[in-house]
Every structure is written in C-alpha cells, then in structure tokens.
N, C-alpha and C. Protein backbone atom coordinates (compact mmCIF):
# COMPACT_ATOMS: atom_id res chain seq x y z
N MET A 1 0.84 -1.18 0.00
CA MET A 1 0.00 0.00 0.00
C MET A 1 0.88 1.23 0.00
N ASN A 2 0.44 2.24 -0.71
CA ASN A 2 1.18 3.49 -0.77
C ASN A 2 0.31 4.65 -0.30
N LEU A 3 0.87 5.47 0.55
CA LEU A 3 0.22 6.70 1.00
C LEU A 3 1.17 7.85 0.69
N VAL A 4 0.65 8.90 0.09
CA VAL A 4 1.46 10.08 -0.18
C VAL A 4 0.86 11.24 0.61
N PHE A 5 1.63 11.76 1.54
CA PHE A 5 1.21 12.89 2.37
C PHE A 5 1.92 14.13 1.85
N ASP A 6 1.15 15.04 1.26
CA ASP A 6 1.78 16.19 0.61
C ASP A 6 1.07 17.52 0.89
N GLN A 7 0.18 17.52 1.87
CA GLN A 7 -0.58 18.73 2.15
C GLN A 7 -0.67 18.94 3.65
N LEU A 8 -0.37 20.15 4.09
CA LEU A 8 -0.53 20.51 5.50
C LEU A 8 -1.99 20.90 5.71
N SER A 9 -2.62 20.33 6.73
CA SER A 9 -4.05 20.59 6.98
C SER A 9 -4.26 21.02 8.42
N TYR A 10 -5.26 21.85 8.61
CA TYR A 10 -5.66 22.30 9.94
C TYR A 10 -7.14 22.02 10.11
N TRP A 11 -7.46 21.19 11.09
CA TRP A 11 -8.84 20.88 11.39
C TRP A 11 -9.23 21.71 12.63
N GLN A 12 -10.00 22.76 12.38
CA GLN A 12 -10.31 23.73 13.43
C GLN A 12 -10.94 23.07 14.65
N GLN A 13 -11.87 22.18 14.41
CA GLN A 13 -12.43 21.41 15.52
C GLN A 13 -11.98 19.98 15.36
N PRO A 14 -11.11 19.45 16.12
CA PRO A 14 -10.68 19.80 17.47
C PRO A 14 -9.31 20.48 17.55
N GLY A 15 -8.90 21.26 16.60
CA GLY A 15 -7.62 21.96 16.67
C GLY A 15 -6.44 21.06 16.34
N ILE A 16 -6.56 20.31 15.24
CA ILE A 16 -5.52 19.36 14.85
C ILE A 16 -4.74 19.91 13.66
N LEU A 17 -3.42 19.90 13.77
CA LEU A 17 -2.53 20.21 12.65
C LEU A 17 -1.99 18.88 12.17
N CYS A 18 -2.18 18.58 10.90
CA CYS A 18 -1.76 17.28 10.39
C CYS A 18 -1.32 17.40 8.94
N ILE A 19 -0.72 16.33 8.45
CA ILE A 19 -0.43 16.25 7.03
C ILE A 19 -1.37 15.21 6.42
N THR A 20 -1.88 15.56 5.24
CA THR A 20 -2.84 14.71 4.53
C THR A 20 -2.37 14.60 3.08
N GLY A 21 -3.14 13.91 2.28
CA GLY A 21 -2.82 13.78 0.87
C GLY A 21 -3.78 14.58 0.02
N SER A 22 -3.25 15.33 -0.93
CA SER A 22 -4.13 16.11 -1.79
C SER A 22 -4.63 15.27 -2.97
N ALA A 23 -3.94 14.18 -3.29
CA ALA A 23 -4.34 13.32 -4.41
C ALA A 23 -5.02 12.07 -3.85
N ALA A 24 -5.63 11.31 -4.75
CA ALA A 24 -6.27 10.05 -4.36
C ALA A 24 -5.22 9.08 -3.82
N PHE A 25 -5.60 8.32 -2.83
CA PHE A 25 -4.69 7.34 -2.25
C PHE A 25 -4.78 6.02 -3.01
N ASP A 26 -3.84 5.18 -2.77
CA ASP A 26 -3.78 3.85 -3.33
C ASP A 26 -5.14 3.17 -3.17
N HIS A 27 -5.61 2.48 -4.20
CA HIS A 27 -6.91 1.80 -4.14
C HIS A 27 -6.98 0.79 -3.01
N GLU A 28 -5.85 0.16 -2.67
CA GLU A 28 -5.83 -0.81 -1.57
C GLU A 28 -6.21 -0.14 -0.26
N VAL A 29 -5.75 1.08 -0.04
CA VAL A 29 -6.04 1.80 1.19
C VAL A 29 -7.53 2.10 1.28
N THR A 30 -8.10 2.57 0.18
CA THR A 30 -9.53 2.87 0.15
C THR A 30 -10.35 1.61 0.37
N ARG A 31 -9.98 0.53 -0.29
CA ARG A 31 -10.70 -0.74 -0.15
C ARG A 31 -10.61 -1.25 1.30
N LEU A 32 -9.44 -1.13 1.91
CA LEU A 32 -9.26 -1.56 3.30
C LEU A 32 -10.17 -0.74 4.23
N ALA A 33 -10.22 0.57 4.03
CA ALA A 33 -11.08 1.42 4.86
C ALA A 33 -12.55 1.03 4.70
N GLU A 34 -12.96 0.74 3.47
CA GLU A 34 -14.36 0.33 3.23
C GLU A 34 -14.66 -1.01 3.89
N GLN A 35 -13.72 -1.95 3.84
CA GLN A 35 -13.91 -3.25 4.47
C GLN A 35 -14.02 -3.11 5.99
N LEU A 36 -13.17 -2.27 6.57
CA LEU A 36 -13.22 -2.06 8.02
C LEU A 36 -14.54 -1.40 8.43
N LEU A 37 -15.02 -0.47 7.62
CA LEU A 37 -16.30 0.17 7.87
C LEU A 37 -17.43 -0.85 7.85
N ALA A 38 -17.43 -1.72 6.86
CA ALA A 38 -18.47 -2.75 6.75
C ALA A 38 -18.44 -3.69 7.95
N ILE A 39 -17.27 -4.09 8.39
CA ILE A 39 -17.14 -4.98 9.55
C ILE A 39 -17.67 -4.29 10.81
N ALA A 40 -17.33 -3.01 10.98
CA ALA A 40 -17.82 -2.27 12.14
C ALA A 40 -19.34 -2.21 12.15
N ILE A 41 -19.93 -1.91 11.00
CA ILE A 41 -21.40 -1.83 10.90
C ILE A 41 -22.03 -3.19 11.20
N GLN A 42 -21.46 -4.27 10.64
CA GLN A 42 -21.99 -5.62 10.87
C GLN A 42 -21.95 -6.00 12.35
N ASN A 43 -21.01 -5.44 13.08
CA ASN A 43 -20.86 -5.77 14.49
C ASN A 43 -21.50 -4.74 15.41
N GLY A 44 -22.31 -3.85 14.83
CA GLY A 44 -23.05 -2.89 15.64
C GLY A 44 -22.18 -1.82 16.29
N ILE A 45 -21.03 -1.56 15.72
CA ILE A 45 -20.12 -0.57 16.28
C ILE A 45 -20.49 0.80 15.72
N SER A 46 -20.63 1.76 16.60
CA SER A 46 -20.93 3.13 16.19
C SER A 46 -19.71 3.70 15.48
N ILE A 47 -19.94 4.26 14.30
CA ILE A 47 -18.82 4.74 13.49
C ILE A 47 -18.97 6.21 13.14
N ASP A 48 -17.86 6.81 12.80
CA ASP A 48 -17.82 8.18 12.33
C ASP A 48 -18.31 8.18 10.89
N THR A 49 -19.21 9.07 10.54
CA THR A 49 -19.77 9.06 9.20
C THR A 49 -18.97 9.90 8.20
N ARG A 50 -17.93 10.59 8.67
CA ARG A 50 -17.10 11.36 7.74
C ARG A 50 -16.31 10.41 6.86
N SER A 51 -15.97 10.86 5.66
CA SER A 51 -15.20 10.01 4.75
C SER A 51 -13.79 9.78 5.30
N TYR A 52 -13.24 8.64 4.95
CA TYR A 52 -11.91 8.26 5.42
C TYR A 52 -10.86 9.22 4.89
N LYS A 53 -10.02 9.74 5.77
CA LYS A 53 -8.98 10.69 5.40
C LYS A 53 -7.68 10.29 6.12
N PRO A 54 -6.81 9.52 5.43
CA PRO A 54 -5.53 9.19 6.07
C PRO A 54 -4.79 10.46 6.43
N HIS A 55 -4.19 10.48 7.60
CA HIS A 55 -3.47 11.66 8.06
C HIS A 55 -2.43 11.28 9.09
N ILE A 56 -1.50 12.19 9.29
CA ILE A 56 -0.51 12.06 10.36
C ILE A 56 -0.66 13.30 11.23
N THR A 57 -1.05 13.11 12.49
CA THR A 57 -1.22 14.23 13.39
C THR A 57 0.14 14.77 13.80
N LEU A 58 0.32 16.07 13.63
CA LEU A 58 1.56 16.73 14.02
C LEU A 58 1.42 17.46 15.35
N MET A 59 0.23 18.03 15.59
CA MET A 59 0.02 18.83 16.80
C MET A 59 -1.45 18.85 17.18
N ARG A 60 -1.71 18.75 18.46
CA ARG A 60 -3.06 18.90 18.99
C ARG A 60 -3.15 20.30 19.62
N LYS A 61 -4.36 20.80 19.74
CA LYS A 61 -4.62 22.12 20.31
C LYS A 61 -3.94 23.22 19.50
N ALA A 62 -3.82 23.00 18.20
CA ALA A 62 -3.24 24.01 17.31
C ALA A 62 -4.24 25.16 17.16
N LYS A 63 -3.73 26.35 16.93
CA LYS A 63 -4.59 27.54 16.80
C LYS A 63 -4.79 27.98 15.36
N ALA A 64 -3.86 27.61 14.48
CA ALA A 64 -3.95 28.06 13.09
C ALA A 64 -3.07 27.18 12.20
N LEU A 65 -3.24 27.36 10.90
CA LEU A 65 -2.43 26.65 9.92
C LEU A 65 -1.18 27.48 9.63
N PRO A 66 0.01 26.98 9.98
CA PRO A 66 1.22 27.75 9.70
C PRO A 66 1.54 27.74 8.21
N ASP A 67 2.26 28.74 7.75
CA ASP A 67 2.66 28.86 6.35
C ASP A 67 4.06 28.27 6.19
N ILE A 68 4.13 26.96 6.00
CA ILE A 68 5.42 26.29 5.82
C ILE A 68 5.33 25.36 4.61
N GLU A 69 6.46 25.06 4.04
CA GLU A 69 6.53 24.12 2.93
C GLU A 69 7.32 22.89 3.38
N PHE A 70 6.99 21.74 2.78
CA PHE A 70 7.71 20.51 3.08
C PHE A 70 7.66 19.60 1.88
N GLU A 71 8.59 18.69 1.81
CA GLU A 71 8.63 17.70 0.74
C GLU A 71 7.58 16.62 1.01
N PRO A 72 6.90 16.12 -0.01
CA PRO A 72 5.92 15.05 0.20
C PRO A 72 6.56 13.83 0.86
N ILE A 73 5.78 13.19 1.68
CA ILE A 73 6.20 11.96 2.36
C ILE A 73 5.50 10.81 1.68
N ILE A 74 6.26 9.87 1.14
CA ILE A 74 5.70 8.68 0.51
C ILE A 74 5.87 7.53 1.48
N TRP A 75 4.75 6.98 1.90
CA TRP A 75 4.74 5.94 2.92
C TRP A 75 4.26 4.65 2.26
N THR A 76 5.14 3.66 2.19
CA THR A 76 4.80 2.36 1.62
C THR A 76 4.82 1.33 2.74
N THR A 77 3.77 0.54 2.81
CA THR A 77 3.68 -0.43 3.89
C THR A 77 2.98 -1.71 3.44
N ALA A 78 3.30 -2.79 4.10
CA ALA A 78 2.65 -4.07 3.84
C ALA A 78 1.83 -4.51 5.04
N ARG A 79 1.78 -3.67 6.10
CA ARG A 79 0.99 -4.01 7.27
C ARG A 79 0.37 -2.74 7.84
N PHE A 80 -0.65 -2.93 8.64
CA PHE A 80 -1.26 -1.80 9.32
C PHE A 80 -1.67 -2.23 10.72
N CYS A 81 -1.86 -1.25 11.58
CA CYS A 81 -2.23 -1.52 12.96
C CYS A 81 -3.44 -0.69 13.35
N LEU A 82 -4.29 -1.26 14.17
CA LEU A 82 -5.41 -0.55 14.77
C LEU A 82 -4.88 0.04 16.07
N LEU A 83 -5.01 1.35 16.22
CA LEU A 83 -4.52 2.03 17.42
C LEU A 83 -5.69 2.60 18.21
N GLU A 84 -5.56 2.59 19.52
CA GLU A 84 -6.54 3.22 20.39
C GLU A 84 -5.92 4.50 20.93
N SER A 85 -6.64 5.60 20.80
CA SER A 85 -6.19 6.89 21.31
C SER A 85 -6.65 7.00 22.76
N CYS A 86 -5.69 7.11 23.66
CA CYS A 86 -6.01 7.19 25.09
C CYS A 86 -5.59 8.54 25.64
N SER A 87 -6.54 9.29 26.18
CA SER A 87 -6.23 10.59 26.79
C SER A 87 -5.76 10.38 28.22
N LEU A 88 -4.56 10.84 28.50
CA LEU A 88 -3.97 10.73 29.83
C LEU A 88 -3.68 12.13 30.35
N ALA A 89 -3.40 12.25 31.63
CA ALA A 89 -3.05 13.55 32.21
C ALA A 89 -1.82 14.14 31.52
N SER A 90 -0.92 13.28 31.07
CA SER A 90 0.32 13.74 30.41
C SER A 90 0.13 14.01 28.93
N GLY A 91 -1.04 13.70 28.38
CA GLY A 91 -1.32 13.91 26.95
C GLY A 91 -1.95 12.68 26.34
N VAL A 92 -2.00 12.64 25.03
CA VAL A 92 -2.60 11.51 24.33
C VAL A 92 -1.54 10.46 24.06
N GLU A 93 -1.91 9.22 24.31
CA GLU A 93 -1.01 8.09 24.05
C GLU A 93 -1.75 7.12 23.14
N TYR A 94 -1.05 6.57 22.16
CA TYR A 94 -1.66 5.61 21.24
C TYR A 94 -1.18 4.22 21.60
N GLN A 95 -2.13 3.30 21.77
CA GLN A 95 -1.80 1.93 22.10
C GLN A 95 -2.23 1.02 20.97
N VAL A 96 -1.33 0.11 20.57
CA VAL A 96 -1.63 -0.83 19.50
C VAL A 96 -2.63 -1.86 20.02
N VAL A 97 -3.74 -2.01 19.30
CA VAL A 97 -4.75 -2.99 19.65
C VAL A 97 -4.46 -4.29 18.89
N ARG A 98 -4.17 -4.16 17.58
CA ARG A 98 -3.87 -5.34 16.76
C ARG A 98 -3.20 -4.89 15.47
N CYS A 99 -2.33 -5.76 14.94
CA CYS A 99 -1.67 -5.48 13.66
C CYS A 99 -1.99 -6.59 12.66
N TRP A 100 -2.04 -6.23 11.38
CA TRP A 100 -2.27 -7.17 10.29
C TRP A 100 -1.17 -7.02 9.25
N GLU A 101 -0.78 -8.14 8.65
CA GLU A 101 0.25 -8.12 7.61
C GLU A 101 -0.38 -8.36 6.27
C-alpha cells in the first residue's frame, strides 16, 4: 500500500494540525477502509460518518495553519495496525490494539 502525504491541513475542531494527501490514495487503502467500515457496521459498532482521510497528526490544540513548505512523504507499507487513542493527564497516548500483515 502506498500513501502520499503532501498537504498541510488544519482541522479547526478539534484543533488538529496534520499532514494529509491532496491526491487520491492507493486503491488498496480505500478498499481496506471500506472493508473495516463494513465490519464495524456488521458488528453494531458506532462509526464516524465522515469520509476516510488518512493523516498524520503533528500537533493537537493548534490555533492556526502555519505557512510552511515541506517535501511530500511517501509511505509504503505491507501491514497496518489498529490504534486506540487514550487521553492521559500527560497527553494523548496511542496503544496498539492489533496489527495485520
């Protein structure tokens, strides 16, 4: 699977600064997201209805989109992991729930 992150994005709510992709992602990534969505629905799991948007979070509680340039990041992988976002007093920590190859 290939992911190309080439755009700096600011999500005002909840104040996330991240990098995203401006072009379409690899078809495998889209198909995987659709399969995971279907499994969640089949198992009665409440899901976010927004479209899937691969991203890398750079900063939480950001106030604005900075004016910076960067080289695109090409991320190629043969495995993925499901992570749980845990809010702690020291900040957010991500814990691996399961990985697939």
